[in-house]
Amino acid sequence: MKIVFGLLALMAVGGGAVLAQPAKTYSKNPTGEGDPAAITCRPPMQISSRRLLGPAVCKTNAEWAQYVKDGMTVSADGRSDVPLKQSGSCQIVGGGGGSASSGGGMGATMKCD
C-alpha cells in the first residue's frame, strides 16, 4: 500500500513539472534584452487591410536579439520575417516633375513612417 501512495506522490510531483511553463513577458517591440533563454511575446498586431489582429508572437530573447541584429522582425500575421521599419524615413508624395529650381516640388507633401 505504501508503494502505491509513493508512486502516486511521485507522479503528482513529476507531472506538475511537465505542466509548468516558463513565465512569459510581453513587449510591443522585443529587442532580446535580458536572459537569452527567457521568453518574450509581442502582443497581437493589426494586420494591414484587415480588421482582425494577428497572433501574439513568442520567442526566446536570443531569437529576438538575432532578429534585431539582422534588421528583421516577424510580420503582423506571425507567418513570415519582414524587415524592420526604419524610423524617421520620409518620402515625397504628390507634386509635379521637374527640378528644384523649376519648382517641381511645389504642392508635394512628405509622408513619414
PDB file of N, CA and C in Angstrom:
ATOM      1  N   MET A   1       0.809  -1.186   0.000  1.00  0.00           N
ATOM      2  CA  MET A   1       0.000   0.000   0.000  1.00  0.00           C
ATOM      3  C   MET A   1       0.861   1.262   0.000  1.00  0.00           C
ATOM      4  N   LYS A   2       1.958   1.247   0.768  1.00  0.00           N
ATOM      5  CA  LYS A   2       2.852   2.395   0.816  1.00  0.00           C
ATOM      6  C   LYS A   2       3.488   2.637  -0.550  1.00  0.00           C
ATOM      7  N   ILE A   3       3.765   1.570  -1.272  1.00  0.00           N
ATOM      8  CA  ILE A   3       4.377   1.703  -2.595  1.00  0.00           C
ATOM      9  C   ILE A   3       3.423   2.422  -3.543  1.00  0.00           C
ATOM     10  N   VAL A   4       2.134   2.108  -3.489  1.00  0.00           N
ATOM     11  CA  VAL A   4       1.138   2.742  -4.353  1.00  0.00           C
ATOM     12  C   VAL A   4       1.057   4.231  -4.057  1.00  0.00           C
ATOM     13  N   PHE A   5       0.998   4.600  -2.776  1.00  0.00           N
ATOM     14  CA  PHE A   5       0.937   6.017  -2.414  1.00  0.00           C
ATOM     15  C   PHE A   5       2.226   6.734  -2.818  1.00  0.00           C
ATOM     16  N   GLY A   6       3.350   6.063  -2.681  1.00  0.00           N
ATOM     17  CA  GLY A   6       4.630   6.636  -3.078  1.00  0.00           C
ATOM     18  C   GLY A   6       4.685   6.894  -4.571  1.00  0.00           C
ATOM     19  N   LEU A   7       4.195   5.951  -5.350  1.00  0.00           N
ATOM     20  CA  LEU A   7       4.166   6.131  -6.797  1.00  0.00           C
ATOM     21  C   LEU A   7       3.214   7.252  -7.203  1.00  0.00           C
ATOM     22  N   LEU A   8       2.061   7.322  -6.540  1.00  0.00           N
ATOM     23  CA  LEU A   8       1.110   8.400  -6.834  1.00  0.00           C
ATOM     24  C   LEU A   8       1.716   9.758  -6.503  1.00  0.00           C
ATOM     25  N   ALA A   9       2.402   9.841  -5.385  1.00  0.00           N
ATOM     26  CA  ALA A   9       3.038  11.107  -5.000  1.00  0.00           C
ATOM     27  C   ALA A   9       4.120  11.479  -5.993  1.00  0.00           C
ATOM     28  N   LEU A  10       4.912  10.505  -6.420  1.00  0.00           N
ATOM     29  CA  LEU A  10       5.963  10.755  -7.399  1.00  0.00           C
ATOM     30  C   LEU A  10       5.378  11.217  -8.728  1.00  0.00           C
ATOM     31  N   MET A  11       4.285  10.609  -9.159  1.00  0.00           N
ATOM     32  CA  MET A  11       3.636  11.000 -10.408  1.00  0.00           C
ATOM     33  C   MET A  11       3.072  12.413 -10.304  1.00  0.00           C
ATOM     34  N   ALA A  12       2.525  12.754  -9.158  1.00  0.00           N
ATOM     35  CA  ALA A  12       1.960  14.093  -8.977  1.00  0.00           C
ATOM     36  C   ALA A  12       3.050  15.151  -9.049  1.00  0.00           C
ATOM     37  N   VAL A  13       4.188  14.893  -8.414  1.00  0.00           N
ATOM     38  CA  VAL A  13       5.292  15.851  -8.440  1.00  0.00           C
ATOM     39  C   VAL A  13       5.896  15.917  -9.839  1.00  0.00           C
ATOM     40  N   GLY A  14       6.152  14.786 -10.448  1.00  0.00           N
ATOM     41  CA  GLY A  14       6.725  14.752 -11.792  1.00  0.00           C
ATOM     42  C   GLY A  14       5.785  15.324 -12.828  1.00  0.00           C
ATOM     43  N   GLY A  15       4.496  15.062 -12.696  1.00  0.00           N
ATOM     44  CA  GLY A  15       3.508  15.587 -13.643  1.00  0.00           C
ATOM     45  C   GLY A  15       3.385  17.088 -13.572  1.00  0.00           C
ATOM     46  N   GLY A  16       3.558  17.645 -12.367  1.00  0.00           N
ATOM     47  CA  GLY A  16       3.489  19.098 -12.213  1.00  0.00           C
ATOM     48  C   GLY A  16       4.618  19.793 -12.947  1.00  0.00           C
ATOM     49  N   ALA A  17       5.793  19.165 -12.976  1.00  0.00           N
ATOM     50  CA  ALA A  17       6.933  19.753 -13.671  1.00  0.00           C
ATOM     51  C   ALA A  17       6.692  19.786 -15.176  1.00  0.00           C
ATOM     52  N   VAL A  18       6.003  18.793 -15.691  1.00  0.00           N
ATOM     53  CA  VAL A  18       5.716  18.749 -17.117  1.00  0.00           C
ATOM     54  C   VAL A  18       4.734  19.851 -17.497  1.00  0.00           C
ATOM     55  N   LEU A  19       3.782  20.140 -16.631  1.00  0.00           N
ATOM     56  CA  LEU A  19       2.768  21.142 -16.918  1.00  0.00           C
ATOM     57  C   LEU A  19       3.275  22.569 -16.730  1.00  0.00           C
ATOM     58  N   ALA A  20       4.324  22.746 -15.916  1.00  0.00           N
ATOM     59  CA  ALA A  20       4.835  24.089 -15.643  1.00  0.00           C
ATOM     60  C   ALA A  20       5.463  24.663 -16.907  1.00  0.00           C
ATOM     61  N   GLN A  21       5.141  25.897 -17.212  1.00  0.00           N
ATOM     62  CA  GLN A  21       5.703  26.563 -18.376  1.00  0.00           C
ATOM     63  C   GLN A  21       6.468  27.790 -17.899  1.00  0.00           C
ATOM     64  N   PRO A  22       7.519  28.155 -18.616  1.00  0.00           N
ATOM     65  CA  PRO A  22       8.270  29.342 -18.205  1.00  0.00           C
ATOM     66  C   PRO A  22       7.393  30.588 -18.285  1.00  0.00           C
ATOM     67  N   ALA A  23       7.685  31.522 -17.411  1.00  0.00           N
ATOM     68  CA  ALA A  23       6.936  32.783 -17.410  1.00  0.00           C
ATOM     69  C   ALA A  23       7.223  33.542 -18.701  1.00  0.00           C
ATOM     70  N   LYS A  24       6.211  34.182 -19.237  1.00  0.00           N
ATOM     71  CA  LYS A  24       6.358  34.964 -20.458  1.00  0.00           C
ATOM     72  C   LYS A  24       6.184  36.438 -20.114  1.00  0.00           C
ATOM     73  N   THR A  25       6.987  37.265 -20.736  1.00  0.00           N
ATOM     74  CA  THR A  25       6.814  38.698 -20.614  1.00  0.00           C
ATOM     75  C   THR A  25       6.357  39.218 -21.970  1.00  0.00           C
ATOM     76  N   TYR A  26       5.712  40.358 -21.978  1.00  0.00           N
ATOM     77  CA  TYR A  26       5.211  40.945 -23.220  1.00  0.00           C
ATOM     78  C   TYR A  26       5.890  42.283 -23.466  1.00  0.00           C
ATOM     79  N   SER A  27       6.214  42.538 -24.712  1.00  0.00           N
ATOM     80  CA  SER A  27       6.830  43.793 -25.120  1.00  0.00           C
ATOM     81  C   SER A  27       6.321  44.144 -26.511  1.00  0.00           C
ATOM     82  N   LYS A  28       5.954  45.403 -26.702  1.00  0.00           N
ATOM     83  CA  LYS A  28       5.465  45.840 -28.012  1.00  0.00           C
ATOM     84  C   LYS A  28       6.558  45.728 -29.075  1.00  0.00           C
ATOM     85  N   ASN A  29       7.801  45.972 -28.664  1.00  0.00           N
ATOM     86  CA  ASN A  29       8.939  45.879 -29.577  1.00  0.00           C
ATOM     87  C   ASN A  29      10.055  45.081 -28.902  1.00  0.00           C
ATOM     88  N   PRO A  30       9.991  43.748 -28.930  1.00  0.00           N
ATOM     89  CA  PRO A  30      11.019  42.946 -28.275  1.00  0.00           C
ATOM     90  C   PRO A  30      12.399  43.176 -28.892  1.00  0.00           C
ATOM     91  N   THR A  31      13.407  43.345 -28.033  1.00  0.00           N
ATOM     92  CA  THR A  31      14.769  43.583 -28.511  1.00  0.00           C
ATOM     93  C   THR A  31      15.720  42.457 -28.156  1.00  0.00           C
ATOM     94  N   GLY A  32      15.289  41.537 -27.304  1.00  0.00           N
ATOM     95  CA  GLY A  32      16.153  40.439 -26.909  1.00  0.00           C
ATOM     96  C   GLY A  32      16.977  40.713 -25.670  1.00  0.00           C
ATOM     97  N   GLU A  33      16.716  41.838 -25.006  1.00  0.00           N
ATOM     98  CA  GLU A  33      17.461  42.167 -23.799  1.00  0.00           C
ATOM     99  C   GLU A  33      17.071  41.219 -22.668  1.00  0.00           C
ATOM    100  N   GLY A  34      18.011  40.961 -21.780  1.00  0.00           N
ATOM    101  CA  GLY A  34      17.741  40.113 -20.634  1.00  0.00           C
ATOM    102  C   GLY A  34      18.238  38.692 -20.851  1.00  0.00           C
ATOM    103  N   ASP A  35      17.717  37.777 -20.053  1.00  0.00           N
ATOM    104  CA  ASP A  35      18.117  36.374 -20.102  1.00  0.00           C
ATOM    105  C   ASP A  35      17.846  35.811 -21.497  1.00  0.00           C
ATOM    106  N   PRO A  36      18.853  35.296 -22.192  1.00  0.00           N
ATOM    107  CA  PRO A  36      18.658  34.770 -23.546  1.00  0.00           C
ATOM    108  C   PRO A  36      17.647  33.630 -23.624  1.00  0.00           C
ATOM    109  N   ALA A  37      17.473  32.884 -22.531  1.00  0.00           N
ATOM    110  CA  ALA A  37      16.545  31.753 -22.546  1.00  0.00           C
ATOM    111  C   ALA A  37      15.122  32.151 -22.162  1.00  0.00           C
ATOM    112  N   ALA A  38      14.943  33.368 -21.641  1.00  0.00           N
ATOM    113  CA  ALA A  38      13.610  33.826 -21.242  1.00  0.00           C
ATOM    114  C   ALA A  38      12.752  34.052 -22.481  1.00  0.00           C
ATOM    115  N   ILE A  39      11.454  33.889 -22.320  1.00  0.00           N
ATOM    116  CA  ILE A  39      10.525  34.042 -23.441  1.00  0.00           C
ATOM    117  C   ILE A  39       9.847  35.413 -23.377  1.00  0.00           C
ATOM    118  N   THR A  40       9.883  36.120 -24.489  1.00  0.00           N
ATOM    119  CA  THR A  40       9.215  37.411 -24.619  1.00  0.00           C
ATOM    120  C   THR A  40       8.218  37.307 -25.763  1.00  0.00           C
ATOM    121  N   CYS A  41       7.018  37.813 -25.527  1.00  0.00           N
ATOM    122  CA  CYS A  41       5.965  37.771 -26.539  1.00  0.00           C
ATOM    123  C   CYS A  41       5.636  39.182 -27.015  1.00  0.00           C
ATOM    124  N   ARG A  42       5.444  39.307 -28.315  1.00  0.00           N
ATOM    125  CA  ARG A  42       4.930  40.553 -28.866  1.00  0.00           C
ATOM    126  C   ARG A  42       3.424  40.404 -28.923  1.00  0.00           C
ATOM    127  N   PRO A  43       2.667  41.371 -28.370  1.00  0.00           N
ATOM    128  CA  PRO A  43       1.202  41.251 -28.389  1.00  0.00           C
ATOM    129  C   PRO A  43       0.665  41.232 -29.824  1.00  0.00           C
ATOM    130  N   PRO A  44      -0.578  40.807 -30.003  1.00  0.00           N
ATOM    131  CA  PRO A  44      -1.173  40.805 -31.345  1.00  0.00           C
ATOM    132  C   PRO A  44      -1.102  42.181 -31.995  1.00  0.00           C
ATOM    133  N   MET A  45      -0.837  42.188 -33.299  1.00  0.00           N
ATOM    134  CA  MET A  45      -0.745  43.443 -34.055  1.00  0.00           C
ATOM    135  C   MET A  45      -1.838  43.469 -35.119  1.00  0.00           C
ATOM    136  N   GLN A  46      -2.208  44.668 -35.511  1.00  0.00           N
ATOM    137  CA  GLN A  46      -3.190  44.861 -36.577  1.00  0.00           C
ATOM    138  C   GLN A  46      -2.598  44.398 -37.898  1.00  0.00           C
ATOM    139  N   ILE A  47      -3.312  43.537 -38.596  1.00  0.00           N
ATOM    140  CA  ILE A  47      -2.879  43.096 -39.913  1.00  0.00           C
ATOM    141  C   ILE A  47      -3.378  44.118 -40.920  1.00  0.00           C
ATOM    142  N   SER A  48      -2.472  44.610 -41.769  1.00  0.00           N
ATOM    143  CA  SER A  48      -2.878  45.629 -42.733  1.00  0.00           C
ATOM    144  C   SER A  48      -3.977  45.093 -43.628  1.00  0.00           C
ATOM    145  N   SER A  49      -4.902  45.930 -43.950  1.00  0.00           N
ATOM    146  CA  SER A  49      -6.076  45.662 -44.796  1.00  0.00           C
ATOM    147  C   SER A  49      -7.035  44.637 -44.182  1.00  0.00           C
ATOM    148  N   ARG A  50      -6.944  44.415 -42.880  1.00  0.00           N
ATOM    149  CA  ARG A  50      -7.897  43.541 -42.198  1.00  0.00           C
ATOM    150  C   ARG A  50      -8.316  44.177 -40.884  1.00  0.00           C
ATOM    151  N   ARG A  51      -9.477  43.790 -40.416  1.00  0.00           N
ATOM    152  CA  ARG A  51      -9.946  44.310 -39.133  1.00  0.00           C
ATOM    153  C   ARG A  51      -9.451  43.478 -37.967  1.00  0.00           C
ATOM    154  N   LEU A  52      -8.978  42.285 -38.251  1.00  0.00           N
ATOM    155  CA  LEU A  52      -8.567  41.374 -37.198  1.00  0.00           C
ATOM    156  C   LEU A  52      -7.108  41.577 -36.811  1.00  0.00           C
ATOM    157  N   LEU A  53      -6.799  41.157 -35.588  1.00  0.00           N
ATOM    158  CA  LEU A  53      -5.422  41.186 -35.123  1.00  0.00           C
ATOM    159  C   LEU A  53      -4.767  39.850 -35.429  1.00  0.00           C
ATOM    160  N   GLY A  54      -3.470  39.882 -35.632  1.00  0.00           N
ATOM    161  CA  GLY A  54      -2.711  38.657 -35.799  1.00  0.00           C
ATOM    162  C   GLY A  54      -2.474  38.016 -34.433  1.00  0.00           C
ATOM    163  N   PRO A  55      -1.739  36.934 -34.397  1.00  0.00           N
ATOM    164  CA  PRO A  55      -1.484  36.247 -33.133  1.00  0.00           C
ATOM    165  C   PRO A  55      -0.367  36.927 -32.344  1.00  0.00           C
ATOM    166  N   ALA A  56      -0.301  36.636 -31.051  1.00  0.00           N
ATOM    167  CA  ALA A  56       0.870  37.026 -30.264  1.00  0.00           C
ATOM    168  C   ALA A  56       2.030  36.176 -30.780  1.00  0.00           C
ATOM    169  N   VAL A  57       3.217  36.754 -30.825  1.00  0.00           N
ATOM    170  CA  VAL A  57       4.395  36.030 -31.292  1.00  0.00           C
ATOM    171  C   VAL A  57       5.363  35.916 -30.130  1.00  0.00           C
ATOM    172  N   CYS A  58       5.660  34.681 -29.727  1.00  0.00           N
ATOM    173  CA  CYS A  58       6.539  34.425 -28.585  1.00  0.00           C
ATOM    174  C   CYS A  58       7.821  33.758 -29.057  1.00  0.00           C
ATOM    175  N   LYS A  59       8.956  34.302 -28.619  1.00  0.00           N
ATOM    176  CA  LYS A  59      10.268  33.760 -28.951  1.00  0.00           C
ATOM    177  C   LYS A  59      11.187  33.973 -27.757  1.00  0.00           C
ATOM    178  N   THR A  60      12.309  33.256 -27.750  1.00  0.00           N
ATOM    179  CA  THR A  60      13.289  33.490 -26.692  1.00  0.00           C
ATOM    180  C   THR A  60      13.964  34.838 -26.951  1.00  0.00           C
ATOM    181  N   ASN A  61      14.539  35.404 -25.893  1.00  0.00           N
ATOM    182  CA  ASN A  61      15.257  36.674 -26.062  1.00  0.00           C
ATOM    183  C   ASN A  61      16.425  36.521 -27.029  1.00  0.00           C
ATOM    184  N   ALA A  62      17.042  35.348 -27.053  1.00  0.00           N
ATOM    185  CA  ALA A  62      18.138  35.108 -28.001  1.00  0.00           C
ATOM    186  C   ALA A  62      17.634  35.220 -29.444  1.00  0.00           C
ATOM    187  N   GLU A  63      16.448  34.691 -29.708  1.00  0.00           N
ATOM    188  CA  GLU A  63      15.878  34.785 -31.060  1.00  0.00           C
ATOM    189  C   GLU A  63      15.530  36.231 -31.403  1.00  0.00           C
ATOM    190  N   TRP A  64      14.918  36.959 -30.460  1.00  0.00           N
ATOM    191  CA  TRP A  64      14.579  38.367 -30.713  1.00  0.00           C
ATOM    192  C   TRP A  64      15.850  39.177 -30.959  1.00  0.00           C
ATOM    193  N   ALA A  65      16.919  38.906 -30.200  1.00  0.00           N
ATOM    194  CA  ALA A  65      18.179  39.635 -30.387  1.00  0.00           C
ATOM    195  C   ALA A  65      18.739  39.380 -31.788  1.00  0.00           C
ATOM    196  N   GLN A  66      18.627  38.147 -32.274  1.00  0.00           N
ATOM    197  CA  GLN A  66      19.101  37.835 -33.625  1.00  0.00           C
ATOM    198  C   GLN A  66      18.270  38.575 -34.674  1.00  0.00           C
ATOM    199  N   TYR A  67      16.958  38.660 -34.460  1.00  0.00           N
ATOM    200  CA  TYR A  67      16.103  39.425 -35.376  1.00  0.00           C
ATOM    201  C   TYR A  67      16.571  40.879 -35.455  1.00  0.00           C
ATOM    202  N   VAL A  68      16.815  41.504 -34.298  1.00  0.00           N
ATOM    203  CA  VAL A  68      17.246  42.896 -34.266  1.00  0.00           C
ATOM    204  C   VAL A  68      18.594  43.044 -34.960  1.00  0.00           C
ATOM    205  N   LYS A  69      19.514  42.129 -34.679  1.00  0.00           N
ATOM    206  CA  LYS A  69      20.842  42.165 -35.298  1.00  0.00           C
ATOM    207  C   LYS A  69      20.737  42.088 -36.815  1.00  0.00           C
ATOM    208  N   ASP A  70      19.794  41.282 -37.306  1.00  0.00           N
ATOM    209  CA  ASP A  70      19.605  41.110 -38.749  1.00  0.00           C
ATOM    210  C   ASP A  70      18.714  42.194 -39.371  1.00  0.00           C
ATOM    211  N   GLY A  71      18.177  43.106 -38.548  1.00  0.00           N
ATOM    212  CA  GLY A  71      17.287  44.148 -39.062  1.00  0.00           C
ATOM    213  C   GLY A  71      15.936  43.609 -39.485  1.00  0.00           C
ATOM    214  N   MET A  72      15.491  42.552 -38.835  1.00  0.00           N
ATOM    215  CA  MET A  72      14.239  41.896 -39.196  1.00  0.00           C
ATOM    216  C   MET A  72      13.288  41.847 -38.001  1.00  0.00           C
ATOM    217  N   THR A  73      12.036  41.493 -38.278  1.00  0.00           N
ATOM    218  CA  THR A  73      11.032  41.233 -37.258  1.00  0.00           C
ATOM    219  C   THR A  73      10.046  40.217 -37.838  1.00  0.00           C
ATOM    220  N   VAL A  74       9.020  39.903 -37.076  1.00  0.00           N
ATOM    221  CA  VAL A  74       8.006  38.951 -37.530  1.00  0.00           C
ATOM    222  C   VAL A  74       6.800  39.742 -38.013  1.00  0.00           C
ATOM    223  N   SER A  75       6.211  39.340 -39.121  1.00  0.00           N
ATOM    224  CA  SER A  75       5.054  40.038 -39.681  1.00  0.00           C
ATOM    225  C   SER A  75       3.892  40.022 -38.700  1.00  0.00           C
ATOM    226  N   ALA A  76       2.934  40.905 -38.906  1.00  0.00           N
ATOM    227  CA  ALA A  76       1.771  41.011 -38.021  1.00  0.00           C
ATOM    228  C   ALA A  76       0.965  39.723 -37.982  1.00  0.00           C
ATOM    229  N   ASP A  77       0.967  38.967 -39.094  1.00  0.00           N
ATOM    230  CA  ASP A  77       0.222  37.705 -39.093  1.00  0.00           C
ATOM    231  C   ASP A  77       1.014  36.558 -38.480  1.00  0.00           C
ATOM    232  N   GLY A  78       2.272  36.814 -38.095  1.00  0.00           N
ATOM    233  CA  GLY A  78       3.101  35.827 -37.427  1.00  0.00           C
ATOM    234  C   GLY A  78       3.648  34.746 -38.323  1.00  0.00           C
ATOM    235  N   ARG A  79       3.515  34.892 -39.641  1.00  0.00           N
ATOM    236  CA  ARG A  79       3.893  33.820 -40.566  1.00  0.00           C
ATOM    237  C   ARG A  79       5.240  34.007 -41.249  1.00  0.00           C
ATOM    238  N   SER A  80       5.726  35.235 -41.325  1.00  0.00           N
ATOM    239  CA  SER A  80       6.964  35.437 -42.077  1.00  0.00           C
ATOM    240  C   SER A  80       7.839  36.494 -41.418  1.00  0.00           C
ATOM    241  N   ASP A  81       9.095  36.504 -41.836  1.00  0.00           N
ATOM    242  CA  ASP A  81      10.045  37.504 -41.373  1.00  0.00           C
ATOM    243  C   ASP A  81      10.005  38.686 -42.335  1.00  0.00           C
ATOM    244  N   VAL A  82      10.038  39.890 -41.779  1.00  0.00           N
ATOM    245  CA  VAL A  82       9.990  41.101 -42.592  1.00  0.00           C
ATOM    246  C   VAL A  82      11.033  42.088 -42.074  1.00  0.00           C
ATOM    247  N   PRO A  83      11.517  42.991 -42.933  1.00  0.00           N
ATOM    248  CA  PRO A  83      12.477  43.995 -42.485  1.00  0.00           C
ATOM    249  C   PRO A  83      11.845  44.936 -41.458  1.00  0.00           C
ATOM    250  N   LEU A  84      12.663  45.366 -40.500  1.00  0.00           N
ATOM    251  CA  LEU A  84      12.202  46.370 -39.540  1.00  0.00           C
ATOM    252  C   LEU A  84      11.992  47.680 -40.273  1.00  0.00           C
ATOM    253  N   LYS A  85      10.957  48.422 -39.910  1.00  0.00           N
ATOM    254  CA  LYS A  85      10.752  49.749 -40.492  1.00  0.00           C
ATOM    255  C   LYS A  85      11.780  50.684 -39.884  1.00  0.00           C
ATOM    256  N   GLN A  86      12.371  51.484 -40.719  1.00  0.00           N
ATOM    257  CA  GLN A  86      13.325  52.467 -40.242  1.00  0.00           C
ATOM    258  C   GLN A  86      12.550  53.689 -39.760  1.00  0.00           C
ATOM    259  N   SER A  87      12.737  54.062 -38.513  1.00  0.00           N
ATOM    260  CA  SER A  87      12.021  55.224 -38.001  1.00  0.00           C
ATOM    261  C   SER A  87      12.602  56.483 -38.621  1.00  0.00           C
ATOM    262  N   GLY A  88      11.734  57.403 -38.912  1.00  0.00           N
ATOM    263  CA  GLY A  88      12.171  58.668 -39.467  1.00  0.00           C
ATOM    264  C   GLY A  88      12.371  58.651 -40.973  1.00  0.00           C
ATOM    265  N   SER A  89      12.042  57.560 -41.650  1.00  0.00           N
ATOM    266  CA  SER A  89      12.214  57.557 -43.100  1.00  0.00           C
ATOM    267  C   SER A  89      11.041  58.296 -43.735  1.00  0.00           C
ATOM    268  N   CYS A  90      11.349  59.201 -44.658  1.00  0.00           N
ATOM    269  CA  CYS A  90      10.325  60.027 -45.297  1.00  0.00           C
ATOM    270  C   CYS A  90      10.499  59.969 -46.808  1.00  0.00           C
ATOM    271  N   GLN A  91       9.407  60.210 -47.495  1.00  0.00           N
ATOM    272  CA  GLN A  91       9.453  60.297 -48.948  1.00  0.00           C
ATOM    273  C   GLN A  91       8.479  61.367 -49.419  1.00  0.00           C
ATOM    274  N   ILE A  92       8.765  61.926 -50.590  1.00  0.00           N
ATOM    275  CA  ILE A  92       7.904  62.957 -51.160  1.00  0.00           C
ATOM    276  C   ILE A  92       6.745  62.277 -51.872  1.00  0.00           C
ATOM    277  N   VAL A  93       5.527  62.738 -51.585  1.00  0.00           N
ATOM    278  CA  VAL A  93       4.330  62.177 -52.193  1.00  0.00           C
ATOM    279  C   VAL A  93       3.604  63.297 -52.923  1.00  0.00           C
ATOM    280  N   GLY A  94       3.234  63.063 -54.172  1.00  0.00           N
ATOM    281  CA  GLY A  94       2.493  64.052 -54.947  1.00  0.00           C
ATOM    282  C   GLY A  94       3.420  65.087 -55.560  1.00  0.00           C
ATOM    283  N   GLY A  95       2.849  66.142 -56.103  1.00  0.00           N
ATOM    284  CA  GLY A  95       3.640  67.190 -56.736  1.00  0.00           C
ATOM    285  C   GLY A  95       3.988  66.814 -58.170  1.00  0.00           C
ATOM    286  N   GLY A  96       4.454  67.767 -58.916  1.00  0.00           N
ATOM    287  CA  GLY A  96       4.789  67.529 -60.319  1.00  0.00           C
ATOM    288  C   GLY A  96       6.246  67.187 -60.480  1.00  0.00           C
ATOM    289  N   GLY A  97       6.633  66.870 -61.708  1.00  0.00           N
ATOM    290  CA  GLY A  97       8.023  66.580 -62.010  1.00  0.00           C
ATOM    291  C   GLY A  97       8.816  67.854 -62.167  1.00  0.00           C
ATOM    292  N   GLY A  98      10.089  67.708 -62.432  1.00  0.00           N
ATOM    293  CA  GLY A  98      10.928  68.879 -62.650  1.00  0.00           C
ATOM    294  C   GLY A  98      11.982  68.983 -61.584  1.00  0.00           C
ATOM    295  N   SER A  99      12.820  69.968 -61.741  1.00  0.00           N
ATOM    296  CA  SER A  99      13.917  70.158 -60.791  1.00  0.00           C
ATOM    297  C   SER A  99      13.486  71.097 -59.688  1.00  0.00           C
ATOM    298  N   ALA A 100      14.323  71.190 -58.681  1.00  0.00           N
ATOM    299  CA  ALA A 100      14.008  72.078 -57.553  1.00  0.00           C
ATOM    300  C   ALA A 100      14.002  73.532 -58.014  1.00  0.00           C
ATOM    301  N   SER A 101      14.856  73.866 -58.977  1.00  0.00           N
ATOM    302  CA  SER A 101      14.925  75.257 -59.437  1.00  0.00           C
ATOM    303  C   SER A 101      13.709  75.646 -60.263  1.00  0.00           C
ATOM    304  N   SER A 102      13.023  74.629 -60.847  1.00  0.00           N
ATOM    305  CA  SER A 102      11.838  74.965 -61.642  1.00  0.00           C
ATOM    306  C   SER A 102      10.548  74.834 -60.821  1.00  0.00           C
ATOM    307  N   GLY A 103      10.694  74.548 -59.525  1.00  0.00           N
ATOM    308  CA  GLY A 103       9.502  74.462 -58.677  1.00  0.00           C
ATOM    309  C   GLY A 103       8.805  73.132 -58.776  1.00  0.00           C
ATOM    310  N   GLY A 104       9.515  72.082 -59.209  1.00  0.00           N
ATOM    311  CA  GLY A 104       8.899  70.779 -59.377  1.00  0.00           C
ATOM    312  C   GLY A 104       8.367  70.188 -58.073  1.00  0.00           C
ATOM    313  N   GLY A 105       8.899  70.623 -56.951  1.00  0.00           N
ATOM    314  CA  GLY A 105       8.466  70.060 -55.676  1.00  0.00           C
ATOM    315  C   GLY A 105       7.265  70.800 -55.094  1.00  0.00           C
ATOM    316  N   MET A 106       6.775  71.818 -55.749  1.00  0.00           N
ATOM    317  CA  MET A 106       5.663  72.596 -55.221  1.00  0.00           C
ATOM    318  C   MET A 106       4.401  71.729 -55.155  1.00  0.00           C
ATOM    319  N   GLY A 107       3.681  71.808 -54.077  1.00  0.00           N
ATOM    320  CA  GLY A 107       2.462  71.046 -53.916  1.00  0.00           C
ATOM    321  C   GLY A 107       2.699  69.627 -53.425  1.00  0.00           C
ATOM    322  N   ALA A 108       3.952  69.253 -53.235  1.00  0.00           N
ATOM    323  CA  ALA A 108       4.273  67.921 -52.745  1.00  0.00           C
ATOM    324  C   ALA A 108       4.168  67.895 -51.227  1.00  0.00           C
ATOM    325  N   THR A 109       3.910  66.727 -50.687  1.00  0.00           N
ATOM    326  CA  THR A 109       3.876  66.563 -49.236  1.00  0.00           C
ATOM    327  C   THR A 109       4.845  65.467 -48.844  1.00  0.00           C
ATOM    328  N   MET A 110       5.259  65.487 -47.611  1.00  0.00           N
ATOM    329  CA  MET A 110       6.159  64.479 -47.092  1.00  0.00           C
ATOM    330  C   MET A 110       5.346  63.432 -46.333  1.00  0.00           C
ATOM    331  N   LYS A 111       5.611  62.180 -46.602  1.00  0.00           N
ATOM    332  CA  LYS A 111       4.992  61.086 -45.866  1.00  0.00           C
ATOM    333  C   LYS A 111       6.093  60.381 -45.089  1.00  0.00           C
ATOM    334  N   CYS A 112       5.964  60.361 -43.776  1.00  0.00           N
ATOM    335  CA  CYS A 112       6.967  59.740 -42.937  1.00  0.00           C
ATOM    336  C   CYS A 112       6.364  58.584 -42.159  1.00  0.00           C
ATOM    337  N   ASP A 113       7.166  57.538 -41.973  1.00  0.00           N
ATOM    338  CA  ASP A 113       6.736  56.374 -41.213  1.00  0.00           C
ATOM    339  C   ASP A 113       6.924  56.601 -39.734  1.00  0.00           C
TER     340      ASP A 113
END
